[in-house]
Amino acid sequence: MNYTLTRHAAHVLHERAIAVEWLERALRDPQRVESDAEDKRLEHRLVRIAEHGHRVLRVVVNKSVRPEKVITVYFDRAMRGKL
């Protein structure tokens, strides 16, 4: 896949033990896509990770640049059971 990570995104991937495979799954085949409420360049891609207790991974991406840039990635507790 062709994307870049911000320094922050690279840090939280490691710190939160989020597999790159999960990140790429959200980028490639999200189950839900949301526009960012404040910045129209950003898109939120969500995917449920069965291997991690069916938690919902949220990946925020700047879709206006090529390659796309991952801004942050985290498990969204507010989405648990909603996806």
N, C-alpha and C. Protein backbone atom coordinates (compact mmCIF):
# COMPACT_ATOMS: atom_id res chain seq x y z
N MET A 1 0.84 -1.19 0.00
CA MET A 1 0.00 0.00 0.00
C MET A 1 0.88 1.24 0.00
N ASN A 2 0.35 2.29 -0.58
CA ASN A 2 1.11 3.53 -0.68
C ASN A 2 0.49 4.58 0.24
N TYR A 3 1.18 4.86 1.36
CA TYR A 3 0.74 5.86 2.33
C TYR A 3 1.96 6.27 3.14
N THR A 4 1.84 7.39 3.85
CA THR A 4 2.89 7.80 4.78
C THR A 4 2.27 7.97 6.16
N LEU A 5 3.12 7.94 7.16
CA LEU A 5 2.70 8.14 8.55
C LEU A 5 3.30 9.43 9.07
N THR A 6 2.52 10.18 9.83
CA THR A 6 3.11 11.30 10.56
C THR A 6 3.97 10.70 11.67
N ARG A 7 4.82 11.50 12.24
CA ARG A 7 5.64 11.04 13.37
C ARG A 7 4.73 10.55 14.50
N HIS A 8 3.65 11.29 14.73
CA HIS A 8 2.69 10.92 15.78
C HIS A 8 2.08 9.55 15.48
N ALA A 9 1.63 9.33 14.25
CA ALA A 9 1.00 8.05 13.89
C ALA A 9 1.97 6.89 14.07
N ALA A 10 3.22 7.08 13.66
CA ALA A 10 4.22 6.02 13.83
C ALA A 10 4.43 5.72 15.31
N HIS A 11 4.46 6.76 16.12
CA HIS A 11 4.65 6.60 17.56
C HIS A 11 3.49 5.83 18.20
N VAL A 12 2.25 6.22 17.88
CA VAL A 12 1.11 5.56 18.53
C VAL A 12 0.91 4.13 18.04
N LEU A 13 1.27 3.85 16.80
CA LEU A 13 1.22 2.46 16.33
C LEU A 13 2.06 1.57 17.23
N HIS A 14 3.27 2.03 17.50
CA HIS A 14 4.18 1.27 18.35
C HIS A 14 3.70 1.26 19.80
N GLU A 15 3.37 2.42 20.32
CA GLU A 15 2.99 2.56 21.73
C GLU A 15 1.72 1.77 22.07
N ARG A 16 0.77 1.74 21.16
CA ARG A 16 -0.51 1.07 21.41
C ARG A 16 -0.55 -0.36 20.87
N ALA A 17 0.59 -0.83 20.36
CA ALA A 17 0.71 -2.19 19.82
C ALA A 17 -0.36 -2.48 18.76
N ILE A 18 -0.51 -1.53 17.84
CA ILE A 18 -1.47 -1.68 16.74
C ILE A 18 -0.70 -2.25 15.55
N ALA A 19 -1.16 -3.38 15.06
CA ALA A 19 -0.48 -4.04 13.94
C ALA A 19 -0.64 -3.23 12.65
N VAL A 20 0.45 -3.16 11.89
CA VAL A 20 0.41 -2.46 10.60
C VAL A 20 -0.64 -3.11 9.70
N GLU A 21 -0.80 -4.41 9.80
CA GLU A 21 -1.82 -5.13 9.02
C GLU A 21 -3.22 -4.57 9.31
N TRP A 22 -3.49 -4.26 10.56
CA TRP A 22 -4.80 -3.70 10.93
C TRP A 22 -4.98 -2.30 10.36
N LEU A 23 -3.92 -1.50 10.46
CA LEU A 23 -3.95 -0.15 9.88
C LEU A 23 -4.24 -0.24 8.38
N GLU A 24 -3.54 -1.11 7.69
CA GLU A 24 -3.72 -1.23 6.25
C GLU A 24 -5.09 -1.78 5.89
N ARG A 25 -5.65 -2.62 6.73
CA ARG A 25 -7.01 -3.12 6.51
C ARG A 25 -8.00 -1.96 6.55
N ALA A 26 -7.82 -1.06 7.51
CA ALA A 26 -8.71 0.10 7.63
C ALA A 26 -8.54 1.04 6.43
N LEU A 27 -7.32 1.20 5.96
CA LEU A 27 -7.08 2.07 4.81
C LEU A 27 -7.68 1.47 3.54
N ARG A 28 -7.48 0.18 3.35
CA ARG A 28 -7.87 -0.50 2.12
C ARG A 28 -9.37 -0.83 2.06
N ASP A 29 -9.92 -1.28 3.18
CA ASP A 29 -11.29 -1.80 3.16
C ASP A 29 -12.05 -1.41 4.44
N PRO A 30 -12.27 -0.11 4.65
CA PRO A 30 -12.96 0.31 5.88
C PRO A 30 -14.42 -0.14 5.88
N GLN A 31 -14.94 -0.41 7.06
CA GLN A 31 -16.35 -0.77 7.19
C GLN A 31 -17.22 0.48 7.29
N ARG A 32 -16.61 1.58 7.64
CA ARG A 32 -17.32 2.86 7.74
C ARG A 32 -16.33 3.97 7.45
N VAL A 33 -16.80 5.01 6.75
CA VAL A 33 -15.97 6.18 6.43
C VAL A 33 -16.75 7.42 6.86
N GLU A 34 -16.07 8.30 7.60
CA GLU A 34 -16.68 9.54 8.07
C GLU A 34 -15.82 10.72 7.66
N SER A 35 -16.46 11.82 7.30
CA SER A 35 -15.73 13.07 7.06
C SER A 35 -15.38 13.67 8.41
N ASP A 36 -14.26 14.37 8.46
CA ASP A 36 -13.88 15.06 9.69
C ASP A 36 -14.77 16.28 9.86
N ALA A 37 -15.21 16.53 11.07
CA ALA A 37 -16.13 17.64 11.35
C ALA A 37 -15.48 19.01 11.16
N GLU A 38 -14.16 19.09 11.29
CA GLU A 38 -13.49 20.39 11.24
C GLU A 38 -12.62 20.60 10.01
N ASP A 39 -12.07 19.53 9.46
CA ASP A 39 -11.12 19.65 8.36
C ASP A 39 -11.56 18.73 7.22
N LYS A 40 -12.03 19.28 6.15
CA LYS A 40 -12.57 18.49 5.03
C LYS A 40 -11.50 17.69 4.29
N ARG A 41 -10.23 17.97 4.56
CA ARG A 41 -9.16 17.18 3.95
C ARG A 41 -9.00 15.84 4.64
N LEU A 42 -9.57 15.73 5.85
CA LEU A 42 -9.38 14.52 6.65
C LEU A 42 -10.58 13.59 6.54
N GLU A 43 -10.27 12.30 6.59
CA GLU A 43 -11.29 11.26 6.53
C GLU A 43 -10.99 10.26 7.64
N HIS A 44 -12.05 9.78 8.29
CA HIS A 44 -11.92 8.78 9.35
C HIS A 44 -12.36 7.45 8.77
N ARG A 45 -11.49 6.46 8.84
CA ARG A 45 -11.81 5.12 8.33
C ARG A 45 -11.84 4.16 9.51
N LEU A 46 -12.94 3.44 9.62
CA LEU A 46 -13.15 2.57 10.77
C LEU A 46 -13.30 1.12 10.33
N VAL A 47 -12.72 0.23 11.13
CA VAL A 47 -12.82 -1.20 10.87
C VAL A 47 -12.81 -1.94 12.20
N ARG A 48 -13.63 -2.97 12.28
CA ARG A 48 -13.66 -3.80 13.49
C ARG A 48 -12.56 -4.85 13.37
N ILE A 49 -11.78 -4.98 14.43
CA ILE A 49 -10.65 -5.92 14.44
C ILE A 49 -11.04 -7.13 15.28
N ALA A 50 -11.43 -8.21 14.61
CA ALA A 50 -11.88 -9.43 15.31
C ALA A 50 -10.77 -9.99 16.19
N GLU A 51 -9.53 -9.92 15.71
CA GLU A 51 -8.39 -10.48 16.43
C GLU A 51 -8.06 -9.71 17.71
N HIS A 52 -8.70 -8.57 17.90
CA HIS A 52 -8.43 -7.74 19.07
C HIS A 52 -9.73 -7.47 19.82
N GLY A 53 -10.49 -8.53 20.04
CA GLY A 53 -11.72 -8.42 20.82
C GLY A 53 -12.83 -7.64 20.14
N HIS A 54 -12.81 -7.61 18.80
CA HIS A 54 -13.82 -6.90 18.01
C HIS A 54 -13.85 -5.40 18.31
N ARG A 55 -12.72 -4.86 18.74
CA ARG A 55 -12.64 -3.41 18.97
C ARG A 55 -12.57 -2.69 17.63
N VAL A 56 -13.01 -1.44 17.63
CA VAL A 56 -13.07 -0.64 16.40
C VAL A 56 -11.83 0.23 16.30
N LEU A 57 -11.10 0.05 15.20
CA LEU A 57 -9.91 0.84 14.93
C LEU A 57 -10.31 2.03 14.08
N ARG A 58 -9.92 3.23 14.52
CA ARG A 58 -10.18 4.47 13.78
C ARG A 58 -8.85 4.99 13.25
N VAL A 59 -8.81 5.22 11.94
CA VAL A 59 -7.61 5.75 11.29
C VAL A 59 -8.00 7.07 10.64
N VAL A 60 -7.31 8.14 11.02
CA VAL A 60 -7.57 9.46 10.46
C VAL A 60 -6.52 9.72 9.39
N VAL A 61 -7.00 10.01 8.17
CA VAL A 61 -6.14 10.11 7.00
C VAL A 61 -6.34 11.45 6.31
N ASN A 62 -5.23 12.07 5.90
CA ASN A 62 -5.31 13.24 5.03
C ASN A 62 -5.42 12.70 3.61
N LYS A 63 -6.61 12.77 3.04
CA LYS A 63 -6.86 12.20 1.71
C LYS A 63 -6.53 13.18 0.58
N SER A 64 -6.16 14.41 0.93
CA SER A 64 -5.90 15.42 -0.10
C SER A 64 -4.47 15.40 -0.61
N VAL A 65 -3.62 14.55 -0.03
CA VAL A 65 -2.22 14.46 -0.47
C VAL A 65 -1.97 13.07 -1.03
N ARG A 66 -0.96 12.96 -1.87
CA ARG A 66 -0.55 11.67 -2.43
C ARG A 66 0.91 11.46 -2.13
N PRO A 67 1.29 10.36 -1.55
CA PRO A 67 0.38 9.34 -1.03
C PRO A 67 -0.39 9.86 0.17
N GLU A 68 -1.51 9.19 0.48
CA GLU A 68 -2.30 9.60 1.64
C GLU A 68 -1.45 9.55 2.90
N LYS A 69 -1.74 10.47 3.82
CA LYS A 69 -0.96 10.56 5.05
C LYS A 69 -1.82 10.19 6.25
N VAL A 70 -1.37 9.19 7.02
CA VAL A 70 -2.06 8.78 8.24
C VAL A 70 -1.69 9.76 9.33
N ILE A 71 -2.69 10.42 9.91
CA ILE A 71 -2.48 11.42 10.95
C ILE A 71 -2.43 10.77 12.33
N THR A 72 -3.38 9.89 12.60
CA THR A 72 -3.41 9.18 13.88
C THR A 72 -4.19 7.89 13.72
N VAL A 73 -4.04 7.01 14.69
CA VAL A 73 -4.74 5.72 14.68
C VAL A 73 -4.97 5.30 16.13
N TYR A 74 -6.19 4.86 16.42
CA TYR A 74 -6.50 4.44 17.80
C TYR A 74 -7.75 3.59 17.83
N PHE A 75 -7.88 2.82 18.91
CA PHE A 75 -9.10 2.05 19.13
C PHE A 75 -10.13 2.99 19.74
N ASP A 76 -11.27 3.11 19.08
CA ASP A 76 -12.31 4.06 19.46
C ASP A 76 -13.31 3.39 20.39
N ARG A 77 -13.18 3.66 21.67
CA ARG A 77 -14.07 3.05 22.67
C ARG A 77 -15.52 3.45 22.46
N ALA A 78 -15.76 4.66 21.98
CA ALA A 78 -17.13 5.13 21.77
C ALA A 78 -17.85 4.34 20.67
N MET A 79 -17.10 3.69 19.80
CA MET A 79 -17.69 2.93 18.69
C MET A 79 -17.88 1.45 19.03
N ARG A 80 -17.44 1.04 20.19
CA ARG A 80 -17.55 -0.38 20.56
C ARG A 80 -19.01 -0.83 20.48
N GLY A 81 -19.24 -1.90 19.75
CA GLY A 81 -20.58 -2.44 19.59
C GLY A 81 -21.45 -1.71 18.59
N LYS A 82 -20.92 -0.70 17.93
CA LYS A 82 -21.71 0.09 16.98
C LYS A 82 -21.36 -0.20 15.52
N LEU A 83 -20.39 -1.05 15.32
CA LEU A 83 -19.94 -1.31 13.95
C LEU A 83 -20.05 -2.79 13.66
